[in-house]
């Protein structure tokens, strides 16, 4: 099979082609696994973190990609949930132990044995991949393959982030950064909380204009003052400064949810300093998001088809994965980026 492989970490400023286009043996499913012929795979900022060494290191060489849509090509001897030809999705959560305290409480995203697709096992930047049938998801017919791909991470982690804000209808939400996840969150908010206002803080004018197209009440720069204080906020940026700015904009008792697997180094021209009375006092909160559960993905896919959510995306060929990643690094973003695997 054809695949794009990462052989080691590097800085994209120094190596603009970190992934190598190679041929690998087709994977074979284990007893409880299915073999999936990949049709599309979303490109996620987490892949930048993997390439540049900000996540727990993968076992190199590794095939990245964890927003996978494809059809079942073959099943293992004990796999029976799907038929050959069924369309399925594979998300960031590839496996969890199922026995620890966290798994038993429904928080398998916190399992110490959590394994991630495209980090701990080969992912979707390839023509084929395998996964346990218990960690594969049926894709609603409403969505095309390219529409469905970003739902599996950008959408699912956005769904979890929104739930963790504790938001209620009528409260205001700040979206800090407006990429693949936020452009889906704003559609969820308009449906679930019709009396709430969305305030978007984004670096580029293009992102701010896109947010307004999708119904943002107001859009401005990261340092701009919103017309009113925020009941809660979700930060999806890769750096620290927006976190401090978001905390300053929160109403008393407000909560900031950070939707990022890692933060990059502090901007050279910005000294990170959290001032307690200005940023955290009056019962403000910070909460992080770690991974997703299978329940998050399944529940979100149902919600997405009910709304219905319409992801915006740009398609790239598999061999153009480096180009897509560079555009993501350079913040050339409008919605999501998706690899189409022919």
Protein backbone atom coordinates (compact mmCIF):
# COMPACT_ATOMS: atom_id res chain seq x y z
CA UNK A 1 0.00 0.00 0.00
CA UNK A 2 1.02 3.63 -0.50
CA UNK A 3 1.57 5.66 2.66
CA UNK A 4 3.09 8.88 3.99
CA UNK A 5 5.51 7.97 6.78
CA UNK A 6 7.16 10.04 9.53
CA UNK A 7 10.64 8.69 10.33
CA UNK A 8 11.53 11.09 13.14
CA UNK A 9 10.81 14.47 14.67
CA UNK A 10 11.91 17.73 13.07
CA UNK A 11 11.00 21.41 12.86
CA UNK A 12 8.89 22.29 9.85
CA UNK A 13 10.83 25.53 9.45
CA UNK A 14 13.90 23.38 8.75
CA UNK A 15 12.31 20.44 6.93
CA UNK A 16 9.28 21.30 4.82
CA UNK A 17 8.79 17.68 3.75
CA UNK A 18 8.85 15.64 6.98
CA UNK A 19 6.71 12.81 5.59
CA UNK A 20 8.09 10.32 3.07
CA UNK A 21 5.88 8.82 0.35
CA UNK A 22 6.56 5.06 0.48
CA UNK A 23 5.06 1.64 -0.17
CA UNK A 24 4.40 -0.62 2.82
CA UNK A 25 2.97 -4.12 3.19
CA UNK A 26 -0.81 -4.13 3.53
CA UNK A 27 -1.74 -4.58 7.22
CA UNK A 28 -3.58 -7.73 8.32
CA UNK A 29 -6.38 -7.54 10.90
CA UNK A 30 -6.08 -9.36 14.22
CA UNK A 31 -8.94 -11.61 15.41
CA UNK A 32 -11.12 -8.76 16.70
CA UNK A 33 -10.05 -6.19 14.12
CA UNK A 34 -11.27 -4.96 10.76
CA UNK A 35 -9.15 -3.98 7.77
CA UNK A 36 -10.28 -0.60 6.43
CA UNK A 37 -9.60 0.69 2.93
CA UNK A 38 -9.10 4.40 3.60
CA UNK A 39 -10.93 6.90 1.41
CA UNK A 40 -10.23 10.13 3.35
CA UNK A 41 -8.24 11.24 6.38
CA UNK A 42 -8.42 14.62 8.06
CA UNK A 43 -5.28 16.64 8.77
CA UNK A 44 -5.07 17.75 12.41
CA UNK A 45 -2.88 20.16 14.37
CA UNK A 46 -1.93 17.20 16.56
CA UNK A 47 0.07 15.90 13.60
CA UNK A 48 2.18 19.07 13.81
CA UNK A 49 2.77 18.32 17.49
CA UNK A 50 3.86 14.78 16.61
CA UNK A 51 6.19 15.94 13.84
CA UNK A 52 7.78 18.65 15.98
CA UNK A 53 8.15 16.50 19.09
CA UNK A 54 5.59 18.01 21.47
CA UNK A 55 3.67 14.77 22.11
CA UNK A 56 4.81 11.51 23.68
CA UNK A 57 7.12 10.15 20.96
CA UNK A 58 5.66 7.66 18.49
CA UNK A 59 7.47 4.47 17.58
CA UNK A 60 9.15 5.47 14.31
CA UNK A 61 8.50 5.00 11.50
CA UNK A 62 4.82 5.87 11.95
CA UNK A 63 1.88 6.57 9.65
CA UNK A 64 0.08 9.63 11.02
CA UNK A 65 -3.63 10.45 10.77
CA UNK A 66 -6.59 9.87 13.09
CA UNK A 67 -9.67 11.25 11.29
CA UNK A 68 -10.20 8.25 9.05
CA UNK A 69 -13.13 7.31 6.83
CA UNK A 70 -13.17 4.18 4.72
CA UNK A 71 -14.84 0.87 3.94
CA UNK A 72 -14.41 -2.48 5.63
CA UNK A 73 -12.28 -4.66 3.39
CA UNK A 74 -11.89 -7.68 5.67
CA UNK A 75 -12.65 -8.83 9.20
CA UNK A 76 -10.69 -10.91 11.69
CA UNK A 77 -11.95 -14.32 12.75
CA UNK A 78 -13.89 -12.92 15.74
CA UNK A 79 -15.01 -9.63 14.16
CA UNK A 80 -18.75 -9.57 13.43
CA UNK A 81 -20.10 -6.05 13.96
CA UNK A 82 -19.51 -4.85 10.41
CA UNK A 83 -20.02 -6.33 6.96
CA UNK A 84 -17.61 -6.10 4.07
CA UNK A 85 -18.24 -2.76 2.35
CA UNK A 86 -19.64 -0.98 5.43
CA UNK A 87 -18.44 2.60 5.76
CA UNK A 88 -16.73 3.29 9.08
CA UNK A 89 -14.78 5.99 10.86
CA UNK A 90 -11.70 5.73 13.07
CA UNK A 91 -10.89 8.44 15.61
CA UNK A 92 -7.95 9.42 17.87
CA UNK A 93 -8.94 6.79 20.45
CA UNK A 94 -7.57 3.51 19.10
CA UNK A 95 -7.82 1.50 22.31
CA UNK A 96 -8.07 1.61 26.12
CA UNK A 97 -7.73 -1.13 28.71
CA UNK A 98 -11.43 -1.28 29.67
CA UNK A 99 -10.60 -2.37 33.23
CA UNK A 100 -9.07 0.58 35.08
CA UNK A 101 -10.90 3.08 37.28
CA UNK A 102 -11.14 5.62 34.48
CA UNK A 103 -12.46 3.19 31.89
CA UNK A 104 -15.05 1.80 34.31
CA UNK A 105 -16.24 5.34 35.07
CA UNK A 106 -16.67 6.13 31.38
CA UNK A 107 -13.48 8.20 31.21
CA UNK A 108 -11.47 5.92 28.94
CA UNK A 109 -9.83 9.03 27.50
CA UNK A 110 -7.82 9.17 30.76
CA UNK A 111 -6.79 5.50 30.73
CA UNK A 112 -3.06 5.04 31.36
CA UNK A 113 -3.02 2.44 28.58
CA UNK A 114 -4.81 4.77 26.13
CA UNK A 115 -3.44 4.29 22.62
CA UNK A 116 -3.86 6.90 19.91
CA UNK A 117 -4.42 6.29 16.22
CA UNK A 118 -1.53 7.67 14.19
CA UNK A 119 0.74 7.95 17.22
CA UNK A 120 0.88 4.58 18.99
CA UNK A 121 -0.30 2.61 15.94
CA UNK A 122 -0.33 3.41 12.23
CA UNK A 123 -3.09 5.76 11.14
CA UNK A 124 -4.84 6.99 8.03
CA UNK A 125 -2.19 8.67 5.87
CA UNK A 126 -2.23 5.41 3.91
CA UNK A 127 -4.43 3.26 1.70
CA UNK A 128 -5.23 0.74 4.46
CA UNK A 129 -5.33 0.57 8.25
CA UNK A 130 -6.69 -1.71 10.97
CA UNK A 131 -8.64 -1.15 14.17
CA UNK A 132 -10.59 -3.17 16.73
CA UNK A 133 -14.23 -3.36 15.62
CA UNK A 134 -15.16 -1.97 19.07
CA UNK A 135 -13.31 1.26 18.25
CA UNK A 136 -14.81 1.86 14.81
CA UNK A 137 -17.87 4.04 14.17
CA UNK A 138 -20.66 3.94 11.62
CA UNK A 139 -20.75 7.12 9.55
CA UNK A 140 -24.19 8.69 8.97
CA UNK A 141 -25.18 8.51 5.30
CA UNK A 142 -25.81 12.26 5.29
CA UNK A 143 -22.08 13.03 5.14
CA UNK A 144 -19.67 12.53 2.27
CA UNK A 145 -16.32 10.91 3.09
CA UNK A 146 -14.56 14.29 3.11
CA UNK A 147 -17.25 15.90 5.27
CA UNK A 148 -17.15 13.02 7.74
CA UNK A 149 -13.37 13.00 8.30
CA UNK A 150 -13.10 16.20 10.41
CA UNK A 151 -16.11 15.16 12.46
CA UNK A 152 -14.06 12.33 13.96
CA UNK A 153 -11.60 14.60 15.80
CA UNK A 154 -12.18 18.32 15.23
CA UNK A 155 -15.89 17.75 15.78
CA UNK A 156 -15.72 15.16 18.55
CA UNK A 157 -13.11 17.03 20.61
CA UNK A 158 -15.06 20.24 20.05
CA UNK A 159 -18.18 18.48 21.32
CA UNK A 160 -16.33 17.34 24.45
CA UNK A 161 -14.89 20.83 24.97
CA UNK A 162 -18.31 22.44 24.70
CA UNK A 163 -19.76 20.02 27.24
CA UNK A 164 -16.90 20.72 29.65
CA UNK A 165 -17.66 24.46 29.61
CA UNK A 166 -20.91 23.72 31.47
CA UNK A 167 -22.59 26.24 29.19
CA UNK A 168 -26.33 26.90 29.37
CA UNK A 169 -28.62 28.56 26.85
CA UNK A 170 -28.38 32.34 27.02
CA UNK A 171 -24.78 32.38 28.24
CA UNK A 172 -22.03 33.84 26.07
CA UNK A 173 -19.22 31.72 24.59
CA UNK A 174 -15.83 32.87 23.42
CA UNK A 175 -14.04 30.86 20.74
CA UNK A 176 -10.31 31.59 20.87
CA UNK A 177 -8.91 30.62 17.48
CA UNK A 178 -11.13 29.63 14.57
CA UNK A 179 -9.86 26.52 12.82
CA UNK A 180 -11.27 23.10 12.08
CA UNK A 181 -12.72 22.47 15.54
CA UNK A 182 -14.13 25.93 16.27
CA UNK A 183 -15.95 26.15 12.93
CA UNK A 184 -17.87 23.02 13.96
CA UNK A 185 -18.41 24.15 17.57
CA UNK A 186 -20.11 27.35 16.45
CA UNK A 187 -22.63 25.28 14.49
CA UNK A 188 -23.30 23.14 17.58
CA UNK A 189 -23.81 26.21 19.75
CA UNK A 190 -26.29 27.82 17.36
CA UNK A 191 -28.35 24.61 17.45
CA UNK A 192 -28.08 23.69 21.15
CA UNK A 193 -28.07 27.20 22.62
CA UNK A 194 -30.11 29.44 20.29
CA UNK A 195 -30.23 32.33 22.78
CA UNK A 196 -26.47 32.46 23.29
CA UNK A 197 -23.95 34.75 21.63
CA UNK A 198 -20.70 33.53 20.06
CA UNK A 199 -17.68 35.83 20.31
CA UNK A 200 -14.73 34.78 18.13
CA UNK A 201 -11.13 35.87 18.67
CA UNK A 202 -8.85 34.99 15.75
CA UNK A 203 -5.52 36.15 14.44
CA UNK A 204 -6.38 36.51 10.75
CA UNK A 205 -9.03 38.61 9.07
CA UNK A 206 -9.98 35.61 6.92
CA UNK A 207 -10.80 33.53 10.00
CA UNK A 208 -12.81 36.37 11.51
CA UNK A 209 -14.80 36.84 8.30
CA UNK A 210 -15.44 33.09 8.13
CA UNK A 211 -16.69 33.13 11.74
CA UNK A 212 -19.17 35.88 10.91
CA UNK A 213 -20.38 33.90 7.88
CA UNK A 214 -21.16 31.06 10.27
CA UNK A 215 -23.15 33.28 12.61
CA UNK A 216 -20.68 34.72 15.11
CA UNK A 217 -22.26 37.61 17.00
CA UNK A 218 -18.88 39.39 17.00
CA UNK A 219 -15.38 38.62 15.76
CA UNK A 220 -12.13 40.39 16.59
CA UNK A 221 -8.43 39.92 17.23
CA UNK A 222 -6.96 37.93 20.11
CA UNK A 223 -6.23 41.09 22.13
CA UNK A 224 -9.45 42.93 21.24
CA UNK A 225 -12.10 43.57 23.87
CA UNK A 226 -15.41 41.80 23.28
CA UNK A 227 -18.63 43.82 23.68
CA UNK A 228 -19.38 41.91 26.89
CA UNK A 229 -17.70 39.54 29.32
CA UNK A 230 -17.70 35.82 28.46
CA UNK A 231 -19.56 33.21 30.50
CA UNK A 232 -17.15 30.59 29.16
CA UNK A 233 -14.55 30.14 26.44
CA UNK A 234 -12.80 27.45 24.42
CA UNK A 235 -9.19 27.97 23.38
CA UNK A 236 -7.93 26.01 20.34
CA UNK A 237 -4.73 27.94 19.68
CA UNK A 238 -1.24 26.38 19.83
CA UNK A 239 0.33 29.13 21.99
CA UNK A 240 0.04 30.56 25.52
CA UNK A 241 -0.79 34.22 25.04
CA UNK A 242 -4.45 33.64 24.02
CA UNK A 243 -4.98 31.70 27.26
CA UNK A 244 -4.12 34.76 29.32
CA UNK A 245 -6.19 37.00 27.08
CA UNK A 246 -9.18 34.65 27.38
CA UNK A 247 -8.97 34.55 31.18
CA UNK A 248 -8.97 38.34 31.26
CA UNK A 249 -12.17 38.39 29.18
CA UNK A 250 -14.06 35.89 31.38
CA UNK A 251 -16.96 36.94 33.57
CA UNK A 252 -16.76 36.17 37.30
CA UNK A 253 -17.13 32.43 37.80
CA UNK A 254 -16.38 31.79 34.12
CA UNK A 255 -14.58 28.73 32.79
CA UNK A 256 -11.92 28.45 30.11
CA UNK A 257 -11.54 25.06 28.42
CA UNK A 258 -8.22 24.51 26.64
CA UNK A 259 -8.63 22.25 23.60
CA UNK A 260 -5.00 21.55 22.73
CA UNK A 261 -2.85 18.48 23.23
CA UNK A 262 0.24 20.67 23.75
CA UNK A 263 1.18 24.34 23.70
CA UNK A 264 4.13 25.48 21.64
CA UNK A 265 6.93 27.52 23.18
CA UNK A 266 6.02 31.00 24.39
CA UNK A 267 6.29 33.70 21.72
CA UNK A 268 9.69 35.36 21.96
CA UNK A 269 8.12 38.79 22.30
CA UNK A 270 5.70 37.70 25.02
CA UNK A 271 6.61 36.92 28.60
CA UNK A 272 3.99 34.53 29.93
CA UNK A 273 2.82 35.78 33.27
CA UNK A 274 -0.43 34.77 34.93
CA UNK A 275 -1.56 37.54 37.25
CA UNK A 276 -3.80 35.98 39.87
CA UNK A 277 -6.12 38.93 40.71
CA UNK A 278 -6.46 39.96 37.06
CA UNK A 279 -6.83 36.57 35.43
CA UNK A 280 -8.03 33.97 37.94
CA UNK A 281 -9.57 35.56 40.99
CA UNK A 282 -13.37 35.61 41.48
CA UNK A 283 -13.71 31.86 40.93
CA UNK A 284 -12.60 31.67 37.33
CA UNK A 285 -11.55 28.21 36.17
CA UNK A 286 -9.21 26.58 33.66
CA UNK A 287 -9.93 23.05 32.44
CA UNK A 288 -8.03 21.02 29.85
CA UNK A 289 -9.40 18.50 27.39
CA UNK A 290 -7.57 15.19 27.05
CA UNK A 291 -8.40 12.88 24.15
CA UNK A 292 -11.95 11.65 23.49
CA UNK A 293 -14.05 8.66 24.52
CA UNK A 294 -15.94 6.40 22.15
CA UNK A 295 -19.11 7.85 23.63
CA UNK A 296 -18.02 11.37 22.62
CA UNK A 297 -17.54 10.31 19.00
CA UNK A 298 -20.76 8.31 18.73
CA UNK A 299 -22.89 10.96 20.44
CA UNK A 300 -21.41 13.74 18.36
CA UNK A 301 -21.98 11.91 15.06
CA UNK A 302 -25.66 11.62 15.96
CA UNK A 303 -25.86 15.30 16.86
CA UNK A 304 -23.98 16.33 13.72
CA UNK A 305 -26.46 14.52 11.50
CA UNK A 306 -29.41 15.97 13.41
CA UNK A 307 -28.32 19.63 13.13
CA UNK A 308 -27.01 18.95 10.38
CA UNK A 309 -23.45 20.23 10.63
CA UNK A 310 -21.79 21.15 7.36
CA UNK A 311 -17.99 21.00 7.65
CA UNK A 312 -16.03 23.19 5.28
CA UNK A 313 -12.93 21.47 3.93
CA UNK A 314 -10.09 21.59 1.44
CA UNK A 315 -8.99 18.37 -0.24
CA UNK A 316 -5.42 17.25 -0.91
CA UNK A 317 -4.03 14.09 -2.51
CA UNK A 318 -2.24 11.66 -0.18
CA UNK A 319 1.14 12.62 -1.61
CA UNK A 320 0.32 16.28 -0.85
CA UNK A 321 0.19 15.65 2.91
CA UNK A 322 3.31 17.77 3.52
CA UNK A 323 1.70 20.69 1.69
CA UNK A 324 -1.46 20.41 3.80
CA UNK A 325 0.59 20.30 7.01
CA UNK A 326 2.63 23.34 6.02
CA UNK A 327 -0.53 25.33 5.28
CA UNK A 328 -1.85 24.33 8.70
CA UNK A 329 1.41 25.43 10.33
CA UNK A 330 1.23 28.76 8.49
CA UNK A 331 -2.42 29.25 9.57
CA UNK A 332 -3.75 29.09 6.01
CA UNK A 333 -7.02 27.73 7.30
CA UNK A 334 -10.66 27.80 6.33
CA UNK A 335 -12.43 24.92 8.00
CA UNK A 336 -10.61 21.57 7.78
CA UNK A 337 -7.98 19.98 5.55
CA UNK A 338 -8.63 16.46 4.25
CA UNK A 339 -6.46 13.96 2.40
CA UNK A 340 -8.25 11.99 -0.30
CA UNK A 341 -6.69 8.56 -0.72
CA UNK A 342 -7.33 7.12 -4.20
